[in-house]
Amino acid sequence: MTVEFLDPRGAPRVAFEAYTCRAPLEGEAVIGLLANNFPDSVPFLDAIERAIATVLPAARFARYVKKNASVPADERLVADIAATCDALVTAYGH
């Protein structure tokens, strides 16, 4: 008997294109952390904050949580984040 393992991912339809996304963070940059309200999104962002703080010790963090994971962030929340933060990390959990 032969066992064959198949890769369930299939072939990508779009070619991979690397990109860079970087905010010029220096000094006391404010980094927003947006959880989407799925379970474990907040603990995950706790770990992200600790990791970023080791690289940017002067950074300050602002925490945000969407009211509902199944809808986009409302305009008021987005405006607050844009007015307050130099960069934003979003996260979801399950």
PDB file of N, CA and C in Angstrom:
ATOM      1  N   MET A   1       0.836  -1.172   0.000  1.00  0.00           N
ATOM      2  CA  MET A   1       0.000   0.000   0.000  1.00  0.00           C
ATOM      3  C   MET A   1       0.889   1.247   0.000  1.00  0.00           C
ATOM      4  N   THR A   2       0.553   2.209  -0.842  1.00  0.00           N
ATOM      5  CA  THR A   2       1.288   3.463  -0.942  1.00  0.00           C
ATOM      6  C   THR A   2       0.421   4.604  -0.424  1.00  0.00           C
ATOM      7  N   VAL A   3       1.040   5.465   0.382  1.00  0.00           N
ATOM      8  CA  VAL A   3       0.332   6.642   0.880  1.00  0.00           C
ATOM      9  C   VAL A   3       0.859   7.849   0.127  1.00  0.00           C
ATOM     10  N   GLU A   4      -0.047   8.620  -0.430  1.00  0.00           N
ATOM     11  CA  GLU A   4       0.343   9.820  -1.174  1.00  0.00           C
ATOM     12  C   GLU A   4      -0.211  11.041  -0.443  1.00  0.00           C
ATOM     13  N   PHE A   5       0.652  12.010  -0.188  1.00  0.00           N
ATOM     14  CA  PHE A   5       0.238  13.240   0.475  1.00  0.00           C
ATOM     15  C   PHE A   5       0.067  14.329  -0.570  1.00  0.00           C
ATOM     16  N   LEU A   6      -1.044  15.026  -0.524  1.00  0.00           N
ATOM     17  CA  LEU A   6      -1.332  16.095  -1.479  1.00  0.00           C
ATOM     18  C   LEU A   6      -1.300  17.440  -0.774  1.00  0.00           C
ATOM     19  N   ASP A   7      -0.794  18.435  -1.448  1.00  0.00           N
ATOM     20  CA  ASP A   7      -0.772  19.795  -0.912  1.00  0.00           C
ATOM     21  C   ASP A   7      -2.128  20.430  -1.198  1.00  0.00           C
ATOM     22  N   PRO A   8      -2.929  20.748  -0.167  1.00  0.00           N
ATOM     23  CA  PRO A   8      -4.282  21.262  -0.393  1.00  0.00           C
ATOM     24  C   PRO A   8      -4.339  22.733  -0.801  1.00  0.00           C
ATOM     25  N   ARG A   9      -3.206  23.404  -0.795  1.00  0.00           N
ATOM     26  CA  ARG A   9      -3.230  24.845  -1.076  1.00  0.00           C
ATOM     27  C   ARG A   9      -3.489  25.169  -2.539  1.00  0.00           C
ATOM     28  N   GLY A  10      -3.150  24.322  -3.436  1.00  0.00           N
ATOM     29  CA  GLY A  10      -3.356  24.602  -4.849  1.00  0.00           C
ATOM     30  C   GLY A  10      -2.354  25.624  -5.361  1.00  0.00           C
ATOM     31  N   ALA A  11      -2.438  25.893  -6.645  1.00  0.00           N
ATOM     32  CA  ALA A  11      -1.518  26.853  -7.268  1.00  0.00           C
ATOM     33  C   ALA A  11      -2.075  28.266  -7.125  1.00  0.00           C
ATOM     34  N   PRO A  12      -1.208  29.237  -6.816  1.00  0.00           N
ATOM     35  CA  PRO A  12      -1.697  30.622  -6.707  1.00  0.00           C
ATOM     36  C   PRO A  12      -2.147  31.151  -8.070  1.00  0.00           C
ATOM     37  N   ARG A  13      -3.190  31.956  -8.075  1.00  0.00           N
ATOM     38  CA  ARG A  13      -3.693  32.541  -9.310  1.00  0.00           C
ATOM     39  C   ARG A  13      -2.983  33.835  -9.669  1.00  0.00           C
ATOM     40  N   VAL A  14      -2.387  34.478  -8.675  1.00  0.00           N
ATOM     41  CA  VAL A  14      -1.702  35.752  -8.891  1.00  0.00           C
ATOM     42  C   VAL A  14      -0.248  35.576  -8.474  1.00  0.00           C
ATOM     43  N   ALA A  15       0.653  36.101  -9.269  1.00  0.00           N
ATOM     44  CA  ALA A  15       2.075  35.998  -8.941  1.00  0.00           C
ATOM     45  C   ALA A  15       2.384  36.777  -7.665  1.00  0.00           C
ATOM     46  N   PHE A  16       3.249  36.224  -6.838  1.00  0.00           N
ATOM     47  CA  PHE A  16       3.674  36.870  -5.610  1.00  0.00           C
ATOM     48  C   PHE A  16       4.484  38.117  -5.942  1.00  0.00           C
ATOM     49  N   GLU A  17       4.160  39.209  -5.280  1.00  0.00           N
ATOM     50  CA  GLU A  17       4.905  40.444  -5.477  1.00  0.00           C
ATOM     51  C   GLU A  17       5.272  41.011  -4.111  1.00  0.00           C
ATOM     52  N   ALA A  18       6.553  41.020  -3.807  1.00  0.00           N
ATOM     53  CA  ALA A  18       7.003  41.536  -2.519  1.00  0.00           C
ATOM     54  C   ALA A  18       6.808  43.044  -2.462  1.00  0.00           C
ATOM     55  N   TYR A  19       6.518  43.553  -1.280  1.00  0.00           N
ATOM     56  CA  TYR A  19       6.367  44.991  -1.103  1.00  0.00           C
ATOM     57  C   TYR A  19       6.918  45.381   0.261  1.00  0.00           C
ATOM     58  N   THR A  20       7.194  46.631   0.408  1.00  0.00           N
ATOM     59  CA  THR A  20       7.628  47.137   1.704  1.00  0.00           C
ATOM     60  C   THR A  20       6.593  48.139   2.192  1.00  0.00           C
ATOM     61  N   CYS A  21       6.365  48.114   3.451  1.00  0.00           N
ATOM     62  CA  CYS A  21       5.419  49.025   4.074  1.00  0.00           C
ATOM     63  C   CYS A  21       6.071  49.473   5.367  1.00  0.00           C
ATOM     64  N   ARG A  22       6.499  50.703   5.393  1.00  0.00           N
ATOM     65  CA  ARG A  22       7.263  51.141   6.545  1.00  0.00           C
ATOM     66  C   ARG A  22       6.913  52.573   6.895  1.00  0.00           C
ATOM     67  N   ALA A  23       6.639  52.804   8.155  1.00  0.00           N
ATOM     68  CA  ALA A  23       6.425  54.155   8.654  1.00  0.00           C
ATOM     69  C   ALA A  23       7.744  54.611   9.287  1.00  0.00           C
ATOM     70  N   PRO A  24       8.182  55.825   8.989  1.00  0.00           N
ATOM     71  CA  PRO A  24       9.440  56.317   9.576  1.00  0.00           C
ATOM     72  C   PRO A  24       9.240  56.643  11.056  1.00  0.00           C
ATOM     73  N   LEU A  25       9.448  55.653  11.911  1.00  0.00           N
ATOM     74  CA  LEU A  25       9.198  55.826  13.338  1.00  0.00           C
ATOM     75  C   LEU A  25      10.479  56.159  14.081  1.00  0.00           C
ATOM     76  N   GLU A  26      10.434  57.250  14.802  1.00  0.00           N
ATOM     77  CA  GLU A  26      11.575  57.668  15.611  1.00  0.00           C
ATOM     78  C   GLU A  26      11.058  58.233  16.918  1.00  0.00           C
ATOM     79  N   GLY A  27      11.900  58.244  17.920  1.00  0.00           N
ATOM     80  CA  GLY A  27      11.556  58.885  19.185  1.00  0.00           C
ATOM     81  C   GLY A  27      10.278  58.335  19.783  1.00  0.00           C
ATOM     82  N   GLU A  28       9.403  59.241  20.183  1.00  0.00           N
ATOM     83  CA  GLU A  28       8.173  58.852  20.861  1.00  0.00           C
ATOM     84  C   GLU A  28       7.024  58.658  19.881  1.00  0.00           C
ATOM     85  N   ALA A  29       7.220  57.834  18.911  1.00  0.00           N
ATOM     86  CA  ALA A  29       6.164  57.536  17.944  1.00  0.00           C
ATOM     87  C   ALA A  29       4.994  56.883  18.673  1.00  0.00           C
ATOM     88  N   VAL A  30       3.792  57.167  18.203  1.00  0.00           N
ATOM     89  CA  VAL A  30       2.596  56.541  18.759  1.00  0.00           C
ATOM     90  C   VAL A  30       2.162  55.441  17.794  1.00  0.00           C
ATOM     91  N   ILE A  31       2.141  54.232  18.295  1.00  0.00           N
ATOM     92  CA  ILE A  31       1.766  53.078  17.480  1.00  0.00           C
ATOM     93  C   ILE A  31       0.412  52.578  17.962  1.00  0.00           C
ATOM     94  N   GLY A  32      -0.565  52.595  17.078  1.00  0.00           N
ATOM     95  CA  GLY A  32      -1.886  52.090  17.408  1.00  0.00           C
ATOM     96  C   GLY A  32      -1.929  50.588  17.255  1.00  0.00           C
ATOM     97  N   LEU A  33      -2.673  49.948  18.132  1.00  0.00           N
ATOM     98  CA  LEU A  33      -2.870  48.505  18.091  1.00  0.00           C
ATOM     99  C   LEU A  33      -4.375  48.264  18.054  1.00  0.00           C
ATOM    100  N   LEU A  34      -4.875  47.790  16.920  1.00  0.00           N
ATOM    101  CA  LEU A  34      -6.314  47.618  16.712  1.00  0.00           C
ATOM    102  C   LEU A  34      -6.685  46.142  16.708  1.00  0.00           C
ATOM    103  N   ALA A  35      -7.425  45.735  17.729  1.00  0.00           N
ATOM    104  CA  ALA A  35      -7.947  44.370  17.799  1.00  0.00           C
ATOM    105  C   ALA A  35      -9.331  44.363  17.169  1.00  0.00           C
ATOM    106  N   ASN A  36      -9.674  43.264  16.522  1.00  0.00           N
ATOM    107  CA  ASN A  36     -10.960  43.239  15.829  1.00  0.00           C
ATOM    108  C   ASN A  36     -12.071  42.594  16.636  1.00  0.00           C
ATOM    109  N   ASN A  37     -11.807  42.238  17.877  1.00  0.00           N
ATOM    110  CA  ASN A  37     -12.794  41.688  18.796  1.00  0.00           C
ATOM    111  C   ASN A  37     -13.016  40.193  18.637  1.00  0.00           C
ATOM    112  N   PHE A  38     -12.200  39.514  17.859  1.00  0.00           N
ATOM    113  CA  PHE A  38     -12.216  38.056  17.873  1.00  0.00           C
ATOM    114  C   PHE A  38     -11.459  37.600  19.122  1.00  0.00           C
ATOM    115  N   PRO A  39     -11.760  36.401  19.638  1.00  0.00           N
ATOM    116  CA  PRO A  39     -11.005  35.903  20.782  1.00  0.00           C
ATOM    117  C   PRO A  39      -9.505  35.883  20.486  1.00  0.00           C
ATOM    118  N   ASP A  40      -8.733  36.244  21.453  1.00  0.00           N
ATOM    119  CA  ASP A  40      -7.270  36.227  21.415  1.00  0.00           C
ATOM    120  C   ASP A  40      -6.634  37.351  20.603  1.00  0.00           C
ATOM    121  N   SER A  41      -7.418  38.245  20.019  1.00  0.00           N
ATOM    122  CA  SER A  41      -6.790  39.341  19.279  1.00  0.00           C
ATOM    123  C   SER A  41      -6.080  40.299  20.231  1.00  0.00           C
ATOM    124  N   VAL A  42      -6.632  40.534  21.411  1.00  0.00           N
ATOM    125  CA  VAL A  42      -5.981  41.431  22.375  1.00  0.00           C
ATOM    126  C   VAL A  42      -4.702  40.809  22.942  1.00  0.00           C
ATOM    127  N   PRO A  43      -4.704  39.546  23.398  1.00  0.00           N
ATOM    128  CA  PRO A  43      -3.451  38.943  23.855  1.00  0.00           C
ATOM    129  C   PRO A  43      -2.382  38.897  22.765  1.00  0.00           C
ATOM    130  N   PHE A  44      -2.804  38.683  21.515  1.00  0.00           N
ATOM    131  CA  PHE A  44      -1.840  38.695  20.419  1.00  0.00           C
ATOM    132  C   PHE A  44      -1.195  40.063  20.302  1.00  0.00           C
ATOM    133  N   LEU A  45      -2.002  41.131  20.402  1.00  0.00           N
ATOM    134  CA  LEU A  45      -1.441  42.481  20.331  1.00  0.00           C
ATOM    135  C   LEU A  45      -0.584  42.811  21.552  1.00  0.00           C
ATOM    136  N   ASP A  46      -0.855  42.194  22.688  1.00  0.00           N
ATOM    137  CA  ASP A  46       0.030  42.351  23.848  1.00  0.00           C
ATOM    138  C   ASP A  46       1.436  41.877  23.486  1.00  0.00           C
ATOM    139  N   ALA A  47       1.511  40.731  22.820  1.00  0.00           N
ATOM    140  CA  ALA A  47       2.808  40.183  22.405  1.00  0.00           C
ATOM    141  C   ALA A  47       3.459  41.070  21.351  1.00  0.00           C
ATOM    142  N   ILE A  48       2.671  41.609  20.423  1.00  0.00           N
ATOM    143  CA  ILE A  48       3.210  42.518  19.407  1.00  0.00           C
ATOM    144  C   ILE A  48       3.776  43.764  20.067  1.00  0.00           C
ATOM    145  N   GLU A  49       3.052  44.307  21.035  1.00  0.00           N
ATOM    146  CA  GLU A  49       3.536  45.507  21.732  1.00  0.00           C
ATOM    147  C   GLU A  49       4.870  45.243  22.426  1.00  0.00           C
ATOM    148  N   ARG A  50       4.975  44.112  23.109  1.00  0.00           N
ATOM    149  CA  ARG A  50       6.244  43.787  23.784  1.00  0.00           C
ATOM    150  C   ARG A  50       7.384  43.680  22.778  1.00  0.00           C
ATOM    151  N   ALA A  51       7.124  43.065  21.629  1.00  0.00           N
ATOM    152  CA  ALA A  51       8.168  42.905  20.611  1.00  0.00           C
ATOM    153  C   ALA A  51       8.583  44.253  20.029  1.00  0.00           C
ATOM    154  N   ILE A  52       7.620  45.102  19.714  1.00  0.00           N
ATOM    155  CA  ILE A  52       7.946  46.418  19.148  1.00  0.00           C
ATOM    156  C   ILE A  52       8.677  47.268  20.178  1.00  0.00           C
ATOM    157  N   ALA A  53       8.264  47.178  21.434  1.00  0.00           N
ATOM    158  CA  ALA A  53       8.889  47.983  22.489  1.00  0.00           C
ATOM    159  C   ALA A  53      10.371  47.655  22.670  1.00  0.00           C
ATOM    160  N   THR A  54      10.781  46.435  22.343  1.00  0.00           N
ATOM    161  CA  THR A  54      12.201  46.106  22.467  1.00  0.00           C
ATOM    162  C   THR A  54      13.021  46.796  21.378  1.00  0.00           C
ATOM    163  N   VAL A  55      12.386  47.047  20.217  1.00  0.00           N
ATOM    164  CA  VAL A  55      13.072  47.690  19.099  1.00  0.00           C
ATOM    165  C   VAL A  55      12.929  49.207  19.162  1.00  0.00           C
ATOM    166  N   LEU A  56      11.782  49.680  19.631  1.00  0.00           N
ATOM    167  CA  LEU A  56      11.496  51.111  19.738  1.00  0.00           C
ATOM    168  C   LEU A  56      11.101  51.429  21.187  1.00  0.00           C
ATOM    169  N   PRO A  57      12.072  51.489  22.104  1.00  0.00           N
ATOM    170  CA  PRO A  57      11.744  51.649  23.524  1.00  0.00           C
ATOM    171  C   PRO A  57      11.053  52.972  23.865  1.00  0.00           C
ATOM    172  N   ALA A  58      11.202  54.002  23.042  1.00  0.00           N
ATOM    173  CA  ALA A  58      10.560  55.291  23.328  1.00  0.00           C
ATOM    174  C   ALA A  58       9.142  55.369  22.774  1.00  0.00           C
ATOM    175  N   ALA A  59       8.715  54.358  22.025  1.00  0.00           N
ATOM    176  CA  ALA A  59       7.383  54.380  21.424  1.00  0.00           C
ATOM    177  C   ALA A  59       6.303  54.314  22.499  1.00  0.00           C
ATOM    178  N   ARG A  60       5.197  54.960  22.187  1.00  0.00           N
ATOM    179  CA  ARG A  60       4.000  54.867  23.026  1.00  0.00           C
ATOM    180  C   ARG A  60       2.953  54.102  22.234  1.00  0.00           C
ATOM    181  N   PHE A  61       2.050  53.451  22.940  1.00  0.00           N
ATOM    182  CA  PHE A  61       1.061  52.606  22.285  1.00  0.00           C
ATOM    183  C   PHE A  61      -0.342  53.067  22.642  1.00  0.00           C
ATOM    184  N   ALA A  62      -1.214  53.064  21.653  1.00  0.00           N
ATOM    185  CA  ALA A  62      -2.620  53.391  21.843  1.00  0.00           C
ATOM    186  C   ALA A  62      -3.426  52.162  21.450  1.00  0.00           C
ATOM    187  N   ARG A  63      -4.316  51.732  22.334  1.00  0.00           N
ATOM    188  CA  ARG A  63      -5.093  50.515  22.101  1.00  0.00           C
ATOM    189  C   ARG A  63      -6.491  50.846  21.593  1.00  0.00           C
ATOM    190  N   TYR A  64      -6.936  50.066  20.629  1.00  0.00           N
ATOM    191  CA  TYR A  64      -8.272  50.210  20.063  1.00  0.00           C
ATOM    192  C   TYR A  64      -8.862  48.825  19.866  1.00  0.00           C
ATOM    193  N   VAL A  65     -10.184  48.723  19.993  1.00  0.00           N
ATOM    194  CA  VAL A  65     -10.882  47.472  19.745  1.00  0.00           C
ATOM    195  C   VAL A  65     -12.142  47.801  18.940  1.00  0.00           C
ATOM    196  N   LYS A  66     -12.300  47.124  17.812  1.00  0.00           N
ATOM    197  CA  LYS A  66     -13.527  47.293  17.033  1.00  0.00           C
ATOM    198  C   LYS A  66     -14.714  46.750  17.834  1.00  0.00           C
ATOM    199  N   LYS A  67     -15.866  47.331  17.623  1.00  0.00           N
ATOM    200  CA  LYS A  67     -17.060  46.888  18.347  1.00  0.00           C
ATOM    201  C   LYS A  67     -17.548  45.527  17.869  1.00  0.00           C
ATOM    202  N   ASN A  68     -17.315  45.233  16.595  1.00  0.00           N
ATOM    203  CA  ASN A  68     -17.824  44.000  16.021  1.00  0.00           C
ATOM    204  C   ASN A  68     -16.818  43.499  14.992  1.00  0.00           C
ATOM    205  N   ALA A  69     -16.442  42.255  15.110  1.00  0.00           N
ATOM    206  CA  ALA A  69     -15.418  41.699  14.219  1.00  0.00           C
ATOM    207  C   ALA A  69     -15.886  41.563  12.777  1.00  0.00           C
ATOM    208  N   SER A  70     -17.192  41.538  12.560  1.00  0.00           N
ATOM    209  CA  SER A  70     -17.688  41.261  11.215  1.00  0.00           C
ATOM    210  C   SER A  70     -17.943  42.509  10.371  1.00  0.00           C
ATOM    211  N   VAL A  71     -17.662  43.684  10.904  1.00  0.00           N
ATOM    212  CA  VAL A  71     -17.878  44.912  10.134  1.00  0.00           C
ATOM    213  C   VAL A  71     -16.616  45.774  10.180  1.00  0.00           C
ATOM    214  N   PRO A  72     -16.430  46.644   9.201  1.00  0.00           N
ATOM    215  CA  PRO A  72     -15.270  47.536   9.219  1.00  0.00           C
ATOM    216  C   PRO A  72     -15.321  48.482  10.421  1.00  0.00           C
ATOM    217  N   ALA A  73     -14.180  49.020  10.768  1.00  0.00           N
ATOM    218  CA  ALA A  73     -14.118  50.020  11.837  1.00  0.00           C
ATOM    219  C   ALA A  73     -14.948  51.225  11.421  1.00  0.00           C
ATOM    220  N   ASP A  74     -15.677  51.801  12.382  1.00  0.00           N
ATOM    221  CA  ASP A  74     -16.529  52.932  12.034  1.00  0.00           C
ATOM    222  C   ASP A  74     -15.685  54.194  11.797  1.00  0.00           C
ATOM    223  N   GLU A  75     -16.289  55.165  11.147  1.00  0.00           N
ATOM    224  CA  GLU A  75     -15.573  56.388  10.748  1.00  0.00           C
ATOM    225  C   GLU A  75     -14.977  57.120  11.937  1.00  0.00           C
ATOM    226  N   ARG A  76     -15.683  57.138  13.044  1.00  0.00           N
ATOM    227  CA  ARG A  76     -15.187  57.830  14.235  1.00  0.00           C
ATOM    228  C   ARG A  76     -13.910  57.182  14.769  1.00  0.00           C
ATOM    229  N   LEU A  77     -13.887  55.853  14.820  1.00  0.00           N
ATOM    230  CA  LEU A  77     -12.704  55.130  15.277  1.00  0.00           C
ATOM    231  C   LEU A  77     -11.531  55.368  14.329  1.00  0.00           C
ATOM    232  N   VAL A  78     -11.782  55.278  13.032  1.00  0.00           N
ATOM    233  CA  VAL A  78     -10.723  55.503  12.040  1.00  0.00           C
ATOM    234  C   VAL A  78     -10.170  56.914  12.165  1.00  0.00           C
ATOM    235  N   ALA A  79     -11.044  57.906  12.348  1.00  0.00           N
ATOM    236  CA  ALA A  79     -10.596  59.293  12.491  1.00  0.00           C
ATOM    237  C   ALA A  79      -9.749  59.469  13.746  1.00  0.00           C
ATOM    238  N   ASP A  80     -10.138  58.822  14.841  1.00  0.00           N
ATOM    239  CA  ASP A  80      -9.364  58.904  16.081  1.00  0.00           C
ATOM    240  C   ASP A  80      -7.985  58.285  15.910  1.00  0.00           C
ATOM    241  N   ILE A  81      -7.933  57.139  15.267  1.00  0.00           N
ATOM    242  CA  ILE A  81      -6.649  56.470  15.025  1.00  0.00           C
ATOM    243  C   ILE A  81      -5.763  57.343  14.146  1.00  0.00           C
ATOM    244  N   ALA A  82      -6.321  57.879  13.060  1.00  0.00           N
ATOM    245  CA  ALA A  82      -5.546  58.709  12.133  1.00  0.00           C
ATOM    246  C   ALA A  82      -5.016  59.966  12.810  1.00  0.00           C
ATOM    247  N   ALA A  83      -5.788  60.542  13.712  1.00  0.00           N
ATOM    248  CA  ALA A  83      -5.376  61.765  14.394  1.00  0.00           C
ATOM    249  C   ALA A  83      -4.353  61.515  15.496  1.00  0.00           C
ATOM    250  N   THR A  84      -4.321  60.304  16.006  1.00  0.00           N
ATOM    251  CA  THR A  84      -3.498  59.995  17.172  1.00  0.00           C
ATOM    252  C   THR A  84      -2.212  59.249  16.856  1.00  0.00           C
ATOM    253  N   CYS A  85      -2.243  58.380  15.853  1.00  0.00           N
ATOM    254  CA  CYS A  85      -1.158  57.418  15.659  1.00  0.00           C
ATOM    255  C   CYS A  85      -0.261  57.736  14.465  1.00  0.00           C
ATOM    256  N   ASP A  86       1.000  57.352  14.611  1.00  0.00           N
ATOM    257  CA  ASP A  86       1.969  57.443  13.529  1.00  0.00           C
ATOM    258  C   ASP A  86       1.974  56.175  12.685  1.00  0.00           C
ATOM    259  N   ALA A  87       1.543  55.071  13.283  1.00  0.00           N
ATOM    260  CA  ALA A  87       1.477  53.783  12.596  1.00  0.00           C
ATOM    261  C   ALA A  87       0.403  52.956  13.284  1.00  0.00           C
ATOM    262  N   LEU A  88      -0.076  51.927  12.585  1.00  0.00           N
ATOM    263  CA  LEU A  88      -1.127  51.081  13.142  1.00  0.00           C
ATOM    264  C   LEU A  88      -0.846  49.624  12.822  1.00  0.00           C
ATOM    265  N   VAL A  89      -1.032  48.769  13.834  1.00  0.00           N
ATOM    266  CA  VAL A  89      -0.958  47.320  13.655  1.00  0.00           C
ATOM    267  C   VAL A  89      -2.362  46.797  13.919  1.00  0.00           C
ATOM    268  N   THR A  90      -2.894  46.052  12.961  1.00  0.00           N
ATOM    269  CA  THR A  90      -4.210  45.451  13.164  1.00  0.00           C
ATOM    270  C   THR A  90      -4.041  43.957  13.368  1.00  0.00           C
ATOM    271  N   ALA A  91      -4.972  43.369  14.104  1.00  0.00           N
ATOM    272  CA  ALA A  91      -4.849  41.942  14.390  1.00  0.00           C
ATOM    273  C   ALA A  91      -6.213  41.321  14.536  1.00  0.00           C
ATOM    274  N   TYR A  92      -6.266  40.048  14.260  1.00  0.00           N
ATOM    275  CA  TYR A  92      -7.480  39.277  14.504  1.00  0.00           C
ATOM    276  C   TYR A  92      -7.073  37.977  15.183  1.00  0.00           C
ATOM    277  N   GLY A  93      -7.996  37.346  15.813  1.00  0.00           N
ATOM    278  CA  GLY A  93      -7.696  36.099  16.499  1.00  0.00           C
ATOM    279  C   GLY A  93      -8.849  35.126  16.342  1.00  0.00           C
ATOM    280  N   HIS A  94      -8.619  33.908  16.748  1.00  0.00           N
ATOM    281  CA  HIS A  94      -9.681  32.890  16.750  1.00  0.00           C
ATOM    282  C   HIS A  94      -9.408  31.906  17.842  1.00  0.00           C
TER     283      HIS A  94
END
